[in-house]
Amino acid sequence: MDQYFVAGRGFGGLAICYHLKKKYPSAKISLFDPNPLFASASAAASGLLEPIGGRLAARSQRASEGLEATKELLDAASCHVRKKVYKDGGVLHAPISANQRVVFEKKRVQNPQYFEWTQGGEFLVKEGVNVFSRDYLEALYSLVLSMGVQYVPKKVPYEPTVKQIFYAVGKEIDKELPGQFQLIRGQAMQVQRGESIFSLPKVHKGYVALDSDPAVYHVGSTYERTNLDLPSDKEGAVKELIKRNREIFPEVAFLSPLGVYEGTRVYSKKQERLPQIVSLGANQVALTGLGSKGLLYHALYAKEIVSAYA
């Protein structure tokens, strides 16, 4: 019986486990991670699954493939727990300037199948999905365990007799490949719903995302690029989050956070900024560089790393 090790219980590692088990149902797969399930950057994800990126709303490379692959996992996880772990219907963007409104209008004219204006003057990305990140992470983890994956609560060891060791370890990849990736730490917070009611997630200078609990919103995000070895300033992060979101969520300034959470994302330094599959040795390979598009790319690249290396 072939044996595989997978390191990391974030979206990437769990997606690798899922596709390994689909490809080789009888294989022995061990999932290693010494940290709690919600300690990964995946647990701090915004939940905004979109095929576009940046203030110019440029369509991400391989966006259609990524959406299709992620939706397969979202539906599989939802079916497993008998509860939908996402909300479709689109993601709203409130233009931050007249120039951005012009850019959005050009996008709408060019691709009316993807974009439209709402009656409230907001730009709707029709393919957008609000993933309930922690619910999805928990459901996907439960799903792969039900498929026969064995969880080992420790750091993955090197074992030369294992057919392949897959690493999806987030920021820890910087220890294996120092200087090859950019690390950015971000914070977001949970707040109790105020008078503003959001039927869809909304992006402006920050974002407000929905939760499976309709009384809770997720408000993000900050971006730290330096001194990442130091503890984050959560009080300062809350002030920044309020500043970024008060235009679309005015009462956020008066709501006490239910919690502040953070994650460090790994970005490729290559121009295309796509995730990377990197060989680390004879039977070791890493999936890394998912950046802020982990929800869009984790399932697609997990399927491809399994196809290429398992």
Protein backbone atom coordinates (compact mmCIF):
# COMPACT_ATOMS: atom_id res chain seq x y z
CA MET A 1 0.00 0.00 0.00
CA ASP A 2 1.37 3.41 -0.97
CA GLN A 3 1.83 5.90 1.84
CA TYR A 4 1.73 9.69 1.63
CA PHE A 5 2.40 12.41 4.19
CA VAL A 6 0.69 15.81 4.05
CA ALA A 7 1.90 18.71 6.19
CA GLY A 8 -0.56 21.49 7.06
CA ARG A 9 -4.26 21.60 7.97
CA GLY A 10 -5.12 24.77 6.08
CA PHE A 11 -7.15 24.87 2.86
CA GLY A 12 -4.20 23.70 0.76
CA GLY A 13 -3.25 20.69 2.89
CA LEU A 14 -6.83 19.52 3.29
CA ALA A 15 -7.48 19.89 -0.45
CA ILE A 16 -4.39 17.77 -1.16
CA CYS A 17 -5.73 15.09 1.21
CA TYR A 18 -9.11 15.19 -0.54
CA HIS A 19 -7.64 14.72 -4.02
CA LEU A 20 -5.19 12.04 -2.86
CA LYS A 21 -8.07 10.03 -1.43
CA LYS A 22 -10.15 10.52 -4.57
CA LYS A 23 -7.27 9.31 -6.73
CA TYR A 24 -6.07 6.52 -4.42
CA PRO A 25 -8.89 5.49 -2.06
CA SER A 26 -6.85 2.66 -0.51
CA ALA A 27 -3.64 4.66 0.04
CA LYS A 28 -2.49 5.41 3.56
CA ILE A 29 -2.47 9.19 4.03
CA SER A 30 -1.21 10.85 7.19
CA LEU A 31 -1.94 14.54 7.83
CA PHE A 32 0.56 16.27 10.10
CA ASP A 33 0.12 19.57 11.92
CA PRO A 34 1.16 20.38 15.51
CA ASN A 35 -1.11 23.43 15.69
CA PRO A 36 -4.85 23.83 16.39
CA LEU A 37 -7.11 23.71 13.34
CA PHE A 38 -7.95 27.41 13.53
CA ALA A 39 -4.30 28.51 13.92
CA SER A 40 -3.65 28.61 10.18
CA ALA A 41 -3.98 31.62 7.90
CA SER A 42 -6.91 29.81 6.28
CA ALA A 43 -8.98 30.30 9.43
CA ALA A 44 -8.38 34.05 9.13
CA ALA A 45 -9.35 34.19 5.45
CA SER A 46 -11.81 36.90 4.46
CA GLY A 47 -14.13 34.39 2.89
CA LEU A 48 -14.32 36.41 -0.33
CA LEU A 49 -14.01 34.02 -3.24
CA GLU A 50 -13.75 36.20 -6.35
CA PRO A 51 -12.37 35.80 -9.87
CA ILE A 52 -11.01 39.36 -9.84
CA GLY A 53 -8.26 41.14 -7.96
CA GLY A 54 -7.09 44.65 -7.20
CA ARG A 55 -8.81 47.98 -7.57
CA LEU A 56 -8.87 47.63 -11.35
CA ALA A 57 -11.01 44.49 -11.07
CA ALA A 58 -8.64 42.57 -13.34
CA ARG A 59 -9.72 38.98 -13.88
CA SER A 60 -7.29 36.65 -12.14
CA GLN A 61 -5.38 34.13 -14.22
CA ARG A 62 -7.06 30.72 -14.30
CA ALA A 63 -10.05 32.21 -12.49
CA SER A 64 -12.68 29.99 -14.11
CA GLU A 65 -10.69 26.83 -13.35
CA GLY A 66 -10.12 27.96 -9.79
CA LEU A 67 -13.79 28.73 -9.17
CA GLU A 68 -14.87 25.37 -10.54
CA ALA A 69 -12.35 23.44 -8.44
CA THR A 70 -13.18 25.34 -5.24
CA LYS A 71 -16.90 24.95 -5.72
CA GLU A 72 -16.42 21.18 -5.98
CA LEU A 73 -14.82 21.17 -2.52
CA LEU A 74 -17.33 23.64 -1.09
CA ASP A 75 -20.19 21.43 -2.20
CA ALA A 76 -18.49 18.26 -0.98
CA ALA A 77 -17.83 19.80 2.44
CA SER A 78 -21.37 21.18 2.64
CA CYS A 79 -22.87 17.82 1.73
CA HIS A 80 -20.72 16.08 4.33
CA VAL A 81 -21.87 18.28 7.23
CA ARG A 82 -25.38 18.77 5.79
CA LYS A 83 -25.02 22.51 6.06
CA LYS A 84 -24.02 25.03 3.41
CA VAL A 85 -20.61 26.51 4.22
CA TYR A 86 -20.91 29.37 1.75
CA LYS A 87 -23.34 31.91 0.32
CA ASP A 88 -23.45 32.55 -3.39
CA GLY A 89 -25.13 35.47 -5.13
CA GLY A 90 -22.09 37.65 -5.72
CA VAL A 91 -19.81 40.15 -4.01
CA LEU A 92 -20.56 43.89 -4.01
CA HIS A 93 -17.91 46.55 -4.60
CA ALA A 94 -18.60 50.13 -3.58
CA PRO A 95 -16.38 52.32 -5.83
CA ILE A 96 -13.81 54.30 -3.88
CA SER A 97 -13.49 57.04 -6.52
CA ALA A 98 -14.95 58.35 -9.76
CA ASN A 99 -12.03 56.79 -11.61
CA GLN A 100 -12.77 53.37 -10.20
CA ARG A 101 -16.42 53.74 -11.16
CA VAL A 102 -15.29 54.37 -14.75
CA VAL A 103 -13.10 51.25 -14.63
CA PHE A 104 -15.98 49.18 -13.29
CA GLU A 105 -18.31 50.45 -16.00
CA LYS A 106 -15.82 49.42 -18.70
CA LYS A 107 -15.66 45.97 -17.16
CA ARG A 108 -19.45 45.72 -17.13
CA VAL A 109 -19.74 46.75 -20.78
CA GLN A 110 -17.04 44.27 -21.83
CA ASN A 111 -18.33 41.37 -19.70
CA PRO A 112 -22.01 41.80 -18.80
CA GLN A 113 -22.19 38.10 -17.97
CA TYR A 114 -19.82 38.67 -15.04
CA PHE A 115 -20.73 42.15 -13.76
CA GLU A 116 -23.70 44.47 -13.24
CA TRP A 117 -24.66 47.59 -11.29
CA THR A 118 -27.17 47.30 -8.47
CA GLN A 119 -29.98 49.80 -7.92
CA GLY A 120 -27.91 51.20 -5.06
CA GLY A 121 -25.03 52.03 -7.41
CA GLU A 122 -22.75 49.20 -6.32
CA PHE A 123 -20.77 46.97 -8.64
CA LEU A 124 -21.83 43.32 -8.40
CA VAL A 125 -19.33 40.59 -9.21
CA LYS A 126 -21.85 37.90 -10.08
CA GLU A 127 -19.49 34.93 -9.71
CA GLY A 128 -18.40 36.01 -6.25
CA VAL A 129 -19.02 33.75 -3.27
CA ASN A 130 -18.91 34.43 0.47
CA VAL A 131 -17.25 31.39 2.05
CA PHE A 132 -17.73 30.93 5.78
CA SER A 133 -14.03 30.23 6.21
CA ARG A 134 -13.99 28.54 9.60
CA ASP A 135 -17.08 26.48 8.82
CA TYR A 136 -15.51 25.38 5.54
CA LEU A 137 -12.17 24.56 7.16
CA GLU A 138 -13.86 22.48 9.85
CA ALA A 139 -16.15 20.73 7.36
CA LEU A 140 -13.33 19.95 4.91
CA TYR A 141 -11.21 18.57 7.75
CA SER A 142 -14.09 16.37 8.90
CA LEU A 143 -14.65 15.23 5.32
CA VAL A 144 -11.07 14.06 4.72
CA LEU A 145 -11.05 12.21 8.06
CA SER A 146 -14.23 10.42 6.99
CA MET A 147 -12.43 9.43 3.77
CA GLY A 148 -9.76 7.67 5.82
CA VAL A 149 -7.05 10.31 6.28
CA GLN A 150 -5.25 9.92 9.62
CA TYR A 151 -4.40 13.08 11.58
CA VAL A 152 -1.10 13.18 13.48
CA PRO A 153 -0.76 16.19 15.86
CA LYS A 154 2.93 16.82 15.33
CA LYS A 155 5.34 18.26 12.81
CA VAL A 156 5.82 16.12 9.72
CA PRO A 157 8.97 13.96 9.91
CA TYR A 158 11.14 13.16 6.94
CA GLU A 159 10.67 9.55 5.89
CA PRO A 160 12.51 8.36 2.77
CA THR A 161 10.25 5.31 2.36
CA VAL A 162 7.10 7.41 1.98
CA LYS A 163 6.10 7.76 -1.66
CA GLN A 164 5.62 11.53 -1.42
CA ILE A 165 5.53 14.21 1.27
CA PHE A 166 3.34 17.19 0.41
CA TYR A 167 3.97 20.47 2.23
CA ALA A 168 1.24 23.10 2.52
CA VAL A 169 2.62 24.87 5.56
CA GLY A 170 1.92 28.56 4.94
CA LYS A 171 4.54 30.94 6.27
CA GLU A 172 6.74 28.06 7.46
CA ILE A 173 7.87 27.61 3.85
CA ASP A 174 10.08 30.67 4.39
CA LYS A 175 12.32 28.50 6.57
CA GLU A 176 12.78 26.00 3.75
CA LEU A 177 13.09 28.56 0.95
CA PRO A 178 14.24 31.80 2.63
CA GLY A 179 13.82 34.99 0.67
CA GLN A 180 11.87 33.46 -2.20
CA PHE A 181 8.44 34.66 -1.08
CA GLN A 182 6.88 37.78 0.38
CA LEU A 183 5.07 37.44 3.69
CA ILE A 184 2.20 39.77 4.60
CA ARG A 185 0.34 39.62 7.91
CA GLY A 186 -3.27 40.74 8.04
CA GLN A 187 -5.85 41.19 10.78
CA ALA A 188 -9.62 41.14 10.71
CA MET A 189 -12.28 41.21 13.39
CA GLN A 190 -15.69 39.79 14.15
CA VAL A 191 -18.41 42.20 15.27
CA GLN A 192 -22.04 41.89 16.23
CA ARG A 193 -24.38 43.11 13.52
CA GLY A 194 -25.47 46.71 14.04
CA GLU A 195 -28.20 48.67 12.27
CA SER A 196 -26.58 48.11 8.87
CA ILE A 197 -27.76 44.88 7.27
CA PHE A 198 -25.67 43.31 4.52
CA SER A 199 -27.37 40.76 2.30
CA LEU A 200 -24.10 40.23 0.39
CA PRO A 201 -20.47 40.85 1.31
CA LYS A 202 -19.20 44.29 0.38
CA VAL A 203 -15.75 45.58 -0.55
CA HIS A 204 -14.64 49.22 -0.35
CA LYS A 205 -11.36 50.32 1.22
CA GLY A 206 -11.79 47.28 3.44
CA TYR A 207 -14.51 44.67 3.40
CA VAL A 208 -17.49 43.38 5.35
CA ALA A 209 -18.10 39.65 4.95
CA LEU A 210 -20.95 37.52 6.21
CA ASP A 211 -20.87 34.65 8.69
CA SER A 212 -23.01 31.54 8.97
CA ASP A 213 -24.38 33.28 12.06
CA PRO A 214 -26.50 36.11 10.58
CA ALA A 215 -25.85 38.23 13.68
CA VAL A 216 -22.09 38.35 13.03
CA TYR A 217 -19.99 40.17 10.41
CA HIS A 218 -16.30 39.89 9.57
CA VAL A 219 -14.51 43.19 9.01
CA GLY A 220 -11.09 43.37 7.33
CA SER A 221 -8.31 43.84 6.64
CA THR A 222 -4.94 45.25 7.63
CA TYR A 223 -1.64 44.60 5.86
CA GLU A 224 1.73 44.38 7.63
CA ARG A 225 4.86 43.83 5.57
CA THR A 226 7.62 44.47 8.15
CA ASN A 227 8.53 43.35 11.68
CA LEU A 228 6.52 40.17 11.27
CA ASP A 229 8.61 38.48 13.94
CA LEU A 230 7.11 40.87 16.52
CA PRO A 231 3.66 40.45 18.09
CA SER A 232 0.95 42.31 16.21
CA ASP A 233 -0.68 45.43 17.62
CA LYS A 234 -4.30 44.32 17.94
CA GLU A 235 -5.51 47.64 19.35
CA GLY A 236 -3.93 49.46 16.42
CA ALA A 237 -5.40 46.89 14.04
CA VAL A 238 -8.92 47.56 15.32
CA LYS A 239 -8.47 51.29 14.74
CA GLU A 240 -7.25 50.65 11.20
CA LEU A 241 -10.15 48.29 10.49
CA ILE A 242 -12.64 50.91 11.66
CA LYS A 243 -10.99 53.55 9.48
CA ARG A 244 -11.10 51.32 6.40
CA ASN A 245 -14.76 50.37 6.79
CA ARG A 246 -16.64 53.26 8.39
CA GLU A 247 -17.89 54.55 5.01
CA ILE A 248 -19.80 51.34 4.25
CA PHE A 249 -20.42 50.28 7.86
CA PRO A 250 -20.72 53.51 9.90
CA GLU A 251 -21.59 51.98 13.27
CA VAL A 252 -18.49 49.75 13.22
CA ALA A 253 -16.77 52.50 15.23
CA PHE A 254 -19.16 51.88 18.12
CA LEU A 255 -19.24 48.08 18.11
CA SER A 256 -16.95 46.10 20.40
CA PRO A 257 -15.06 43.37 18.54
CA LEU A 258 -16.13 39.83 19.34
CA GLY A 259 -12.64 38.77 18.36
CA VAL A 260 -9.58 39.88 16.41
CA TYR A 261 -7.74 37.26 14.37
CA GLU A 262 -4.76 37.27 12.07
CA GLY A 263 -2.96 35.26 9.45
CA THR A 264 0.27 35.55 7.49
CA ARG A 265 -0.04 34.97 3.78
CA VAL A 266 2.68 33.87 1.40
CA TYR A 267 2.96 35.65 -1.95
CA SER A 268 5.03 34.62 -4.92
CA LYS A 269 7.60 37.21 -6.01
CA LYS A 270 7.12 36.20 -9.63
CA GLN A 271 5.34 38.71 -11.84
CA GLU A 272 2.25 36.56 -12.42
CA ARG A 273 1.77 36.09 -8.65
CA LEU A 274 0.31 32.63 -9.14
CA PRO A 275 0.77 29.86 -6.56
CA GLN A 276 3.84 27.68 -6.96
CA ILE A 277 4.46 23.97 -6.81
CA VAL A 278 8.09 23.58 -5.69
CA SER A 279 10.12 20.38 -5.47
CA LEU A 280 12.06 20.22 -2.19
CA GLY A 281 13.82 16.91 -2.74
CA ALA A 282 13.50 13.36 -3.99
CA ASN A 283 10.08 12.74 -2.41
CA GLN A 284 9.15 16.18 -1.11
CA VAL A 285 7.08 18.87 -2.81
CA ALA A 286 5.41 22.07 -1.60
CA LEU A 287 2.30 24.01 -2.56
CA THR A 288 2.87 27.63 -1.64
CA GLY A 289 2.44 31.26 -2.67
CA LEU A 290 -1.37 31.32 -2.60
CA GLY A 291 -1.34 34.87 -1.22
CA SER A 292 -4.75 36.49 -0.79
CA LYS A 293 -6.24 34.15 -3.41
CA GLY A 294 -6.10 30.97 -1.36
CA LEU A 295 -9.82 30.35 -1.73
CA LEU A 296 -9.63 30.75 -5.50
CA TYR A 297 -6.57 28.57 -6.04
CA HIS A 298 -6.21 26.00 -3.23
CA ALA A 299 -8.42 23.32 -4.77
CA LEU A 300 -7.11 23.74 -8.32
CA TYR A 301 -3.44 23.58 -7.37
CA ALA A 302 -4.02 20.77 -4.88
CA LYS A 303 -5.53 18.72 -7.69
CA GLU A 304 -2.58 19.53 -9.94
CA ILE A 305 0.11 18.75 -7.37
CA VAL A 306 -1.52 15.40 -6.71
CA SER A 307 -1.79 14.69 -10.43
CA ALA A 308 1.88 15.52 -10.97
CA TYR A 309 3.51 13.99 -7.88
CA ALA A 310 1.31 11.19 -6.52
